[in-house]
PDB file of N, CA and C in Angstrom:
ATOM      1  N   MET A   1      91.619  55.076 120.951  1.00  0.00           N
ATOM      2  CA  MET A   1      93.190  54.972 121.315  1.00  0.00           C
ATOM      3  C   MET A   1      92.710  57.047 121.761  1.00  0.00           C
ATOM      4  N   ALA A   2      93.354  57.050 122.937  1.00  0.00           N
ATOM      5  CA  ALA A   2      93.165  58.196 123.643  1.00  0.00           C
ATOM      6  C   ALA A   2      94.668  59.219 123.178  1.00  0.00           C
ATOM      7  N   THR A   3      94.514  60.214 123.220  1.00  0.00           N
ATOM      8  CA  THR A   3      95.532  61.122 122.779  1.00  0.00           C
ATOM      9  C   THR A   3      95.823  62.044 124.137  1.00  0.00           C
ATOM     10  N   ARG A   4      97.124  62.214 124.140  1.00  0.00           N
ATOM     11  CA  ARG A   4      97.774  62.902 124.988  1.00  0.00           C
ATOM     12  C   ARG A   4      97.822  63.855 124.665  1.00  0.00           C
ATOM     13  N   VAL A   5      97.536  65.377 125.687  1.00  0.00           N
ATOM     14  CA  VAL A   5      97.645  66.632 125.076  1.00  0.00           C
ATOM     15  C   VAL A   5      98.521  67.050 127.052  1.00  0.00           C
ATOM     16  N   SER A   6      98.876  68.448 126.555  1.00  0.00           N
ATOM     17  CA  SER A   6      99.379  69.465 127.683  1.00  0.00           C
ATOM     18  C   SER A   6      98.363  70.172 128.603  1.00  0.00           C
ATOM     19  N   LEU A   7      98.161  70.618 129.227  1.00  0.00           N
ATOM     20  CA  LEU A   7      97.462  71.777 129.698  1.00  0.00           C
ATOM     21  C   LEU A   7      97.788  72.620 131.028  1.00  0.00           C
ATOM     22  N   SER A   8      97.390  73.195 130.604  1.00  0.00           N
ATOM     23  CA  SER A   8      97.861  74.419 131.867  1.00  0.00           C
ATOM     24  C   SER A   8      96.449  75.068 132.052  1.00  0.00           C
ATOM     25  N   LEU A   9      96.390  75.005 133.715  1.00  0.00           N
ATOM     26  CA  LEU A   9      95.209  75.378 134.127  1.00  0.00           C
ATOM     27  C   LEU A   9      95.509  76.314 135.459  1.00  0.00           C
ATOM     28  N   THR A  10      94.842  76.878 135.745  1.00  0.00           N
ATOM     29  CA  THR A  10      94.847  78.119 136.818  1.00  0.00           C
ATOM     30  C   THR A  10      95.245  77.289 138.332  1.00  0.00           C
ATOM     31  N   GLU A  11      95.441  78.051 139.309  1.00  0.00           N
ATOM     32  CA  GLU A  11      95.439  76.767 139.972  1.00  0.00           C
ATOM     33  C   GLU A  11      94.217  76.673 140.888  1.00  0.00           C
ATOM     34  N   PRO A  12      92.922  77.650 140.882  1.00  0.00           N
ATOM     35  CA  PRO A  12      91.870  76.894 140.860  1.00  0.00           C
ATOM     36  C   PRO A  12      91.257  76.000 140.532  1.00  0.00           C
ATOM     37  N   ASN A  13      91.503  76.052 139.434  1.00  0.00           N
ATOM     38  CA  ASN A  13      90.941  75.483 138.384  1.00  0.00           C
ATOM     39  C   ASN A  13      91.647  73.239 139.123  1.00  0.00           C
ATOM     40  N   GLU A  14      93.246  73.689 139.345  1.00  0.00           N
ATOM     41  CA  GLU A  14      94.054  72.974 139.398  1.00  0.00           C
ATOM     42  C   GLU A  14      93.377  72.018 140.864  1.00  0.00           C
ATOM     43  N   ARG A  15      93.055  73.320 141.839  1.00  0.00           N
ATOM     44  CA  ARG A  15      92.586  72.441 143.152  1.00  0.00           C
ATOM     45  C   ARG A  15      91.747  71.955 142.869  1.00  0.00           C
ATOM     46  N   TRP A  16      90.437  72.072 142.174  1.00  0.00           N
ATOM     47  CA  TRP A  16      89.308  71.662 142.162  1.00  0.00           C
ATOM     48  C   TRP A  16      89.539  70.263 141.614  1.00  0.00           C
ATOM     49  N   ILE A  17      90.247  70.168 140.576  1.00  0.00           N
ATOM     50  CA  ILE A  17      90.543  68.805 139.613  1.00  0.00           C
ATOM     51  C   ILE A  17      91.019  67.564 140.818  1.00  0.00           C
ATOM     52  N   GLN A  18      92.005  68.285 141.093  1.00  0.00           N
ATOM     53  CA  GLN A  18      92.380  67.126 142.968  1.00  0.00           C
ATOM     54  C   GLN A  18      91.581  67.078 143.894  1.00  0.00           C
ATOM     55  N   ALA A  19      90.796  67.610 143.756  1.00  0.00           N
ATOM     56  CA  ALA A  19      89.543  68.210 144.788  1.00  0.00           C
ATOM     57  C   ALA A  19      88.333  66.630 144.425  1.00  0.00           C
ATOM     58  N   GLN A  20      88.781  66.364 143.336  1.00  0.00           N
ATOM     59  CA  GLN A  20      88.035  65.229 142.752  1.00  0.00           C
ATOM     60  C   GLN A  20      88.829  64.128 143.084  1.00  0.00           C
ATOM     61  N   THR A  21      89.925  64.273 142.109  1.00  0.00           N
ATOM     62  CA  THR A  21      90.493  62.631 142.633  1.00  0.00           C
ATOM     63  C   THR A  21      90.238  62.527 144.352  1.00  0.00           C
ATOM     64  N   ASP A  22      90.976  63.010 144.977  1.00  0.00           N
ATOM     65  CA  ASP A  22      90.991  63.093 146.406  1.00  0.00           C
ATOM     66  C   ASP A  22      89.986  62.373 146.697  1.00  0.00           C
ATOM     67  N   SER A  23      88.670  63.113 146.438  1.00  0.00           N
ATOM     68  CA  SER A  23      87.244  61.989 146.863  1.00  0.00           C
ATOM     69  C   SER A  23      87.140  61.116 146.281  1.00  0.00           C
ATOM     70  N   LYS A  24      88.104  60.725 145.086  1.00  0.00           N
ATOM     71  CA  LYS A  24      87.849  58.888 144.970  1.00  0.00           C
ATOM     72  C   LYS A  24      86.881  58.429 144.066  1.00  0.00           C
ATOM     73  N   GLU A  25      86.235  60.320 143.855  1.00  0.00           N
ATOM     74  CA  GLU A  25      85.177  60.306 142.714  1.00  0.00           C
ATOM     75  C   GLU A  25      86.001  59.359 141.254  1.00  0.00           C
ATOM     76  N   PHE A  26      86.888  60.423 140.719  1.00  0.00           N
ATOM     77  CA  PHE A  26      87.660  59.735 139.891  1.00  0.00           C
ATOM     78  C   PHE A  26      88.735  59.249 140.275  1.00  0.00           C
ATOM     79  N   THR A  27      89.429  58.096 139.116  1.00  0.00           N
ATOM     80  CA  THR A  27      90.968  57.897 139.563  1.00  0.00           C
ATOM     81  C   THR A  27      91.354  58.805 138.804  1.00  0.00           C
ATOM     82  N   SER A  28      91.575  59.210 138.222  1.00  0.00           N
ATOM     83  CA  SER A  28      92.374  60.218 137.461  1.00  0.00           C
ATOM     84  C   SER A  28      92.101  61.602 137.090  1.00  0.00           C
ATOM     85  N   ARG A  29      93.495  62.603 136.944  1.00  0.00           N
ATOM     86  CA  ARG A  29      93.274  63.982 136.531  1.00  0.00           C
ATOM     87  C   ARG A  29      92.377  64.177 135.162  1.00  0.00           C
ATOM     88  N   SER A  30      92.913  62.618 134.555  1.00  0.00           N
ATOM     89  CA  SER A  30      91.874  62.784 133.098  1.00  0.00           C
ATOM     90  C   SER A  30      90.720  61.832 132.766  1.00  0.00           C
ATOM     91  N   GLU A  31      90.302  61.372 133.765  1.00  0.00           N
ATOM     92  CA  GLU A  31      88.553  61.460 133.782  1.00  0.00           C
ATOM     93  C   GLU A  31      87.975  62.369 134.388  1.00  0.00           C
ATOM     94  N   VAL A  32      88.763  63.285 135.255  1.00  0.00           N
ATOM     95  CA  VAL A  32      87.718  64.609 135.356  1.00  0.00           C
ATOM     96  C   VAL A  32      87.881  65.111 134.233  1.00  0.00           C
ATOM     97  N   ILE A  33      88.830  65.747 133.550  1.00  0.00           N
ATOM     98  CA  ILE A  33      88.425  66.043 132.575  1.00  0.00           C
ATOM     99  C   ILE A  33      87.448  66.168 131.348  1.00  0.00           C
ATOM    100  N   ASN A  34      87.943  64.410 131.235  1.00  0.00           N
ATOM    101  CA  ASN A  34      86.539  63.748 130.076  1.00  0.00           C
ATOM    102  C   ASN A  34      85.622  63.736 130.586  1.00  0.00           C
ATOM    103  N   ASP A  35      84.859  63.928 131.754  1.00  0.00           N
ATOM    104  CA  ASP A  35      83.512  63.856 132.271  1.00  0.00           C
ATOM    105  C   ASP A  35      83.395  65.669 131.841  1.00  0.00           C
ATOM    106  N   LEU A  36      83.487  66.395 132.075  1.00  0.00           N
ATOM    107  CA  LEU A  36      83.679  67.692 132.217  1.00  0.00           C
ATOM    108  C   LEU A  36      83.481  68.059 130.478  1.00  0.00           C
ATOM    109  N   ILE A  37      84.168  67.161 129.443  1.00  0.00           N
ATOM    110  CA  ILE A  37      83.971  67.447 128.590  1.00  0.00           C
ATOM    111  C   ILE A  37      83.075  67.519 127.793  1.00  0.00           C
ATOM    112  N   ARG A  38      82.315  65.478 128.160  1.00  0.00           N
ATOM    113  CA  ARG A  38      81.451  65.172 127.702  1.00  0.00           C
ATOM    114  C   ARG A  38      80.330  65.572 128.257  1.00  0.00           C
ATOM    115  N   LYS A  39      79.384  66.271 129.510  1.00  0.00           N
ATOM    116  CA  LYS A  39      78.987  67.047 129.741  1.00  0.00           C
ATOM    117  C   LYS A  39      78.816  68.346 128.951  1.00  0.00           C
ATOM    118  N   ALA A  40      80.056  69.430 128.855  1.00  0.00           N
ATOM    119  CA  ALA A  40      80.127  70.722 127.912  1.00  0.00           C
ATOM    120  C   ALA A  40      79.362  69.656 126.509  1.00  0.00           C
ATOM    121  N   ARG A  41      79.383  68.721 126.111  1.00  0.00           N
ATOM    122  CA  ARG A  41      79.062  68.508 125.009  1.00  0.00           C
ATOM    123  C   ARG A  41      77.616  67.723 124.934  1.00  0.00           C
ATOM    124  N   GLU A  42      76.846  67.439 126.310  1.00  0.00           N
ATOM    125  CA  GLU A  42      75.562  67.486 126.708  1.00  0.00           C
ATOM    126  C   GLU A  42      75.324  68.727 125.932  1.00  0.00           C
ATOM    127  N   VAL A  43      75.448  69.268 127.064  1.00  0.00           N
ATOM    128  CA  VAL A  43      74.768  70.715 126.759  1.00  0.00           C
ATOM    129  C   VAL A  43      74.759  71.534 125.335  1.00  0.00           C
ATOM    130  N   GLU A  44      75.605  71.193 124.670  1.00  0.00           N
ATOM    131  CA  GLU A  44      75.623  71.907 123.515  1.00  0.00           C
ATOM    132  C   GLU A  44      74.817  71.326 122.884  1.00  0.00           C
ATOM    133  N   GLU A  45      74.558  69.939 122.686  1.00  0.00           N
ATOM    134  CA  GLU A  45      73.193  69.050 122.076  1.00  0.00           C
ATOM    135  C   GLU A  45      72.307  69.736 122.658  1.00  0.00           C
ATOM    136  N   ILE A  46      72.063  69.807 123.688  1.00  0.00           N
ATOM    137  CA  ILE A  46      70.880  70.296 124.165  1.00  0.00           C
ATOM    138  C   ILE A  46      70.369  72.009 123.622  1.00  0.00           C
ATOM    139  N   ARG A  47      71.315  72.883 123.713  1.00  0.00           N
ATOM    140  CA  ARG A  47      71.004  73.698 123.512  1.00  0.00           C
ATOM    141  C   ARG A  47      70.958  73.709 121.793  1.00  0.00           C
ATOM    142  N   THR A  48      71.340  72.881 120.677  1.00  0.00           N
ATOM    143  CA  THR A  48      71.259  72.747 119.805  1.00  0.00           C
ATOM    144  C   THR A  48      69.940  72.415 119.446  1.00  0.00           C
ATOM    145  N   ARG A  49      69.520  71.648 120.209  1.00  0.00           N
ATOM    146  CA  ARG A  49      68.423  71.274 119.571  1.00  0.00           C
ATOM    147  C   ARG A  49      66.642  71.979 120.143  1.00  0.00           C
ATOM    148  N   LEU A  50      67.336  72.551 121.456  1.00  0.00           N
ATOM    149  CA  LEU A  50      66.262  73.756 121.866  1.00  0.00           C
ATOM    150  C   LEU A  50      65.922  74.863 120.860  1.00  0.00           C
ATOM    151  N   ILE A  51      67.574  75.010 120.632  1.00  0.00           N
ATOM    152  CA  ILE A  51      67.507  76.696 119.146  1.00  0.00           C
ATOM    153  C   ILE A  51      66.683  75.996 118.181  1.00  0.00           C
ATOM    154  N   ALA A  52      66.622  74.667 117.814  1.00  0.00           N
ATOM    155  CA  ALA A  52      66.217  74.511 116.358  1.00  0.00           C
ATOM    156  C   ALA A  52      64.174  74.489 116.366  1.00  0.00           C
ATOM    157  N   ALA A  53      64.602  74.220 118.338  1.00  0.00           N
ATOM    158  CA  ALA A  53      62.231  73.806 118.355  1.00  0.00           C
ATOM    159  C   ALA A  53      62.132  75.121 118.568  1.00  0.00           C
ATOM    160  N   GLU A  54      63.156  76.206 118.788  1.00  0.00           N
ATOM    161  CA  GLU A  54      62.602  77.723 118.806  1.00  0.00           C
ATOM    162  C   GLU A  54      61.722  77.892 117.276  1.00  0.00           C
ATOM    163  N   ILE A  55      63.161  77.616 116.428  1.00  0.00           N
ATOM    164  CA  ILE A  55      63.131  78.182 115.256  1.00  0.00           C
ATOM    165  C   ILE A  55      61.879  77.736 114.179  1.00  0.00           C
ATOM    166  N   SER A  56      61.380  76.373 114.408  1.00  0.00           N
ATOM    167  CA  SER A  56      60.455  75.189 114.458  1.00  0.00           C
ATOM    168  C   SER A  56      59.222  75.641 114.230  1.00  0.00           C
ATOM    169  N   VAL A  57      59.151  76.344 115.823  1.00  0.00           N
ATOM    170  CA  VAL A  57      58.165  76.592 116.307  1.00  0.00           C
ATOM    171  C   VAL A  57      57.474  78.101 115.436  1.00  0.00           C
ATOM    172  N   THR A  58      58.548  79.039 115.707  1.00  0.00           N
ATOM    173  CA  THR A  58      58.428  80.371 115.154  1.00  0.00           C
ATOM    174  C   THR A  58      57.914  80.173 114.433  1.00  0.00           C
ATOM    175  N   GLU A  59      59.252  79.277 113.218  1.00  0.00           N
ATOM    176  CA  GLU A  59      58.303  78.962 111.290  1.00  0.00           C
ATOM    177  C   GLU A  59      56.975  78.814 111.248  1.00  0.00           C
ATOM    178  N   LYS A  60      56.500  78.162 111.885  1.00  0.00           N
ATOM    179  CA  LYS A  60      55.302  77.328 112.047  1.00  0.00           C
ATOM    180  C   LYS A  60      53.916  78.865 112.113  1.00  0.00           C
ATOM    181  N   GLY A  61      54.480  79.607 112.842  1.00  0.00           N
ATOM    182  CA  GLY A  61      53.509  79.964 112.998  1.00  0.00           C
ATOM    183  C   GLY A  61      53.095  80.238 114.610  1.00  0.00           C
ATOM    184  N   TRP A  62      53.136  79.431 115.270  1.00  0.00           N
ATOM    185  CA  TRP A  62      52.766  79.346 116.670  1.00  0.00           C
ATOM    186  C   TRP A  62      53.101  80.199 118.051  1.00  0.00           C
ATOM    187  N   VAL A  63      53.748  80.951 117.736  1.00  0.00           N
ATOM    188  CA  VAL A  63      54.233  81.409 118.390  1.00  0.00           C
ATOM    189  C   VAL A  63      54.090  82.894 117.918  1.00  0.00           C
ATOM    190  N   THR A  64      53.218  83.643 118.149  1.00  0.00           N
ATOM    191  CA  THR A  64      52.658  84.983 117.475  1.00  0.00           C
ATOM    192  C   THR A  64      52.975  85.963 118.197  1.00  0.00           C
ATOM    193  N   THR A  65      53.309  86.462 119.551  1.00  0.00           N
ATOM    194  CA  THR A  65      53.724  86.998 120.192  1.00  0.00           C
ATOM    195  C   THR A  65      55.304  87.283 120.838  1.00  0.00           C
ATOM    196  N   SER A  66      56.267  89.063 120.636  1.00  0.00           N
ATOM    197  CA  SER A  66      56.982  89.017 120.979  1.00  0.00           C
ATOM    198  C   SER A  66      57.703  88.554 122.502  1.00  0.00           C
ATOM    199  N   GLN A  67      58.781  88.539 122.365  1.00  0.00           N
ATOM    200  CA  GLN A  67      59.183  87.662 123.914  1.00  0.00           C
ATOM    201  C   GLN A  67      59.054  89.141 124.769  1.00  0.00           C
ATOM    202  N   GLU A  68      58.623  90.782 124.550  1.00  0.00           N
ATOM    203  CA  GLU A  68      58.655  91.344 125.322  1.00  0.00           C
ATOM    204  C   GLU A  68      57.262  91.746 126.108  1.00  0.00           C
ATOM    205  N   GLU A  69      56.129  91.200 125.227  1.00  0.00           N
ATOM    206  CA  GLU A  69      54.761  91.258 125.278  1.00  0.00           C
ATOM    207  C   GLU A  69      54.476  89.940 126.111  1.00  0.00           C
ATOM    208  N   MET A  70      55.329  88.813 125.820  1.00  0.00           N
ATOM    209  CA  MET A  70      55.014  87.090 127.122  1.00  0.00           C
ATOM    210  C   MET A  70      55.115  87.713 128.326  1.00  0.00           C
ATOM    211  N   LEU A  71      56.649  88.921 128.705  1.00  0.00           N
ATOM    212  CA  LEU A  71      57.499  88.852 129.493  1.00  0.00           C
ATOM    213  C   LEU A  71      56.267  90.178 130.572  1.00  0.00           C
ATOM    214  N   ASN A  72      55.382  90.838 130.268  1.00  0.00           N
ATOM    215  CA  ASN A  72      54.986  91.923 130.495  1.00  0.00           C
ATOM    216  C   ASN A  72      53.388  91.444 131.300  1.00  0.00           C
ATOM    217  N   ARG A  73      53.095  89.859 130.382  1.00  0.00           N
ATOM    218  CA  ARG A  73      51.460  90.000 130.700  1.00  0.00           C
ATOM    219  C   ARG A  73      51.746  88.486 131.865  1.00  0.00           C
ATOM    220  N   PHE A  74      53.215  87.524 131.993  1.00  0.00           N
ATOM    221  CA  PHE A  74      53.454  87.811 133.075  1.00  0.00           C
ATOM    222  C   PHE A  74      54.114  87.946 134.006  1.00  0.00           C
ATOM    223  N   ARG A  75      54.362  89.352 134.274  1.00  0.00           N
ATOM    224  CA  ARG A  75      54.056  90.110 134.836  1.00  0.00           C
ATOM    225  C   ARG A  75      52.765  90.661 135.369  1.00  0.00           C
ATOM    226  N   GLU A  76      51.906  90.869 134.543  1.00  0.00           N
ATOM    227  CA  GLU A  76      50.431  91.373 134.438  1.00  0.00           C
ATOM    228  C   GLU A  76      49.957  90.154 136.119  1.00  0.00           C
ATOM    229  N   ARG A  77      50.432  88.857 135.527  1.00  0.00           N
ATOM    230  CA  ARG A  77      50.064  88.095 136.276  1.00  0.00           C
ATOM    231  C   ARG A  77      50.162  87.619 137.711  1.00  0.00           C
ATOM    232  N   ALA A  78      51.052  88.005 137.564  1.00  0.00           N
ATOM    233  CA  ALA A  78      51.831  88.260 138.895  1.00  0.00           C
ATOM    234  C   ALA A  78      51.848  89.404 139.798  1.00  0.00           C
ATOM    235  N   GLY A  79      51.104  90.558 139.125  1.00  0.00           N
ATOM    236  CA  GLY A  79      51.245  91.405 140.135  1.00  0.00           C
ATOM    237  C   GLY A  79      51.257  92.577 139.992  1.00  0.00           C
ATOM    238  N   GLY A  80      52.382  92.879 138.964  1.00  0.00           N
ATOM    239  CA  GLY A  80      52.805  93.709 138.146  1.00  0.00           C
ATOM    240  C   GLY A  80      54.322  93.774 138.991  1.00  0.00           C
ATOM    241  N   ASP A  81      54.984  92.196 139.287  1.00  0.00           N
ATOM    242  CA  ASP A  81      56.307  92.627 140.702  1.00  0.00           C
ATOM    243  C   ASP A  81      57.288  92.593 139.432  1.00  0.00           C
ATOM    244  N   ASP A  82      58.138  93.761 139.587  1.00  0.00           N
ATOM    245  CA  ASP A  82      58.947  94.297 138.203  1.00  0.00           C
ATOM    246  C   ASP A  82      60.430  92.920 138.389  1.00  0.00           C
ATOM    247  N   LYS A  83      60.179  91.763 139.546  1.00  0.00           N
ATOM    248  CA  LYS A  83      61.428  91.028 139.525  1.00  0.00           C
ATOM    249  C   LYS A  83      61.385  89.659 138.701  1.00  0.00           C
ATOM    250  N   LEU A  84      60.683  90.046 137.694  1.00  0.00           N
ATOM    251  CA  LEU A  84      60.300  88.812 136.779  1.00  0.00           C
ATOM    252  C   LEU A  84      61.141  88.925 135.713  1.00  0.00           C
TER     253      LEU A  84
END
């Protein structure tokens, strides 16, 4: 069962949502908002898994190099390019 809510949107966001429904990709503003929320939830899940994996690897001692050391090695391999 769907829950009804009232949202206040900025004008640029309202125009973007309207453009999505005008393009016929979505049939309603609700579909656009629900799709955005689903995508945000997917990103959150991926982020949570990546953080858990990073913690797991670090706890097992697989990573012994600091981020700064890794970055310096990448810079050396790239010929000292400071754009990294």
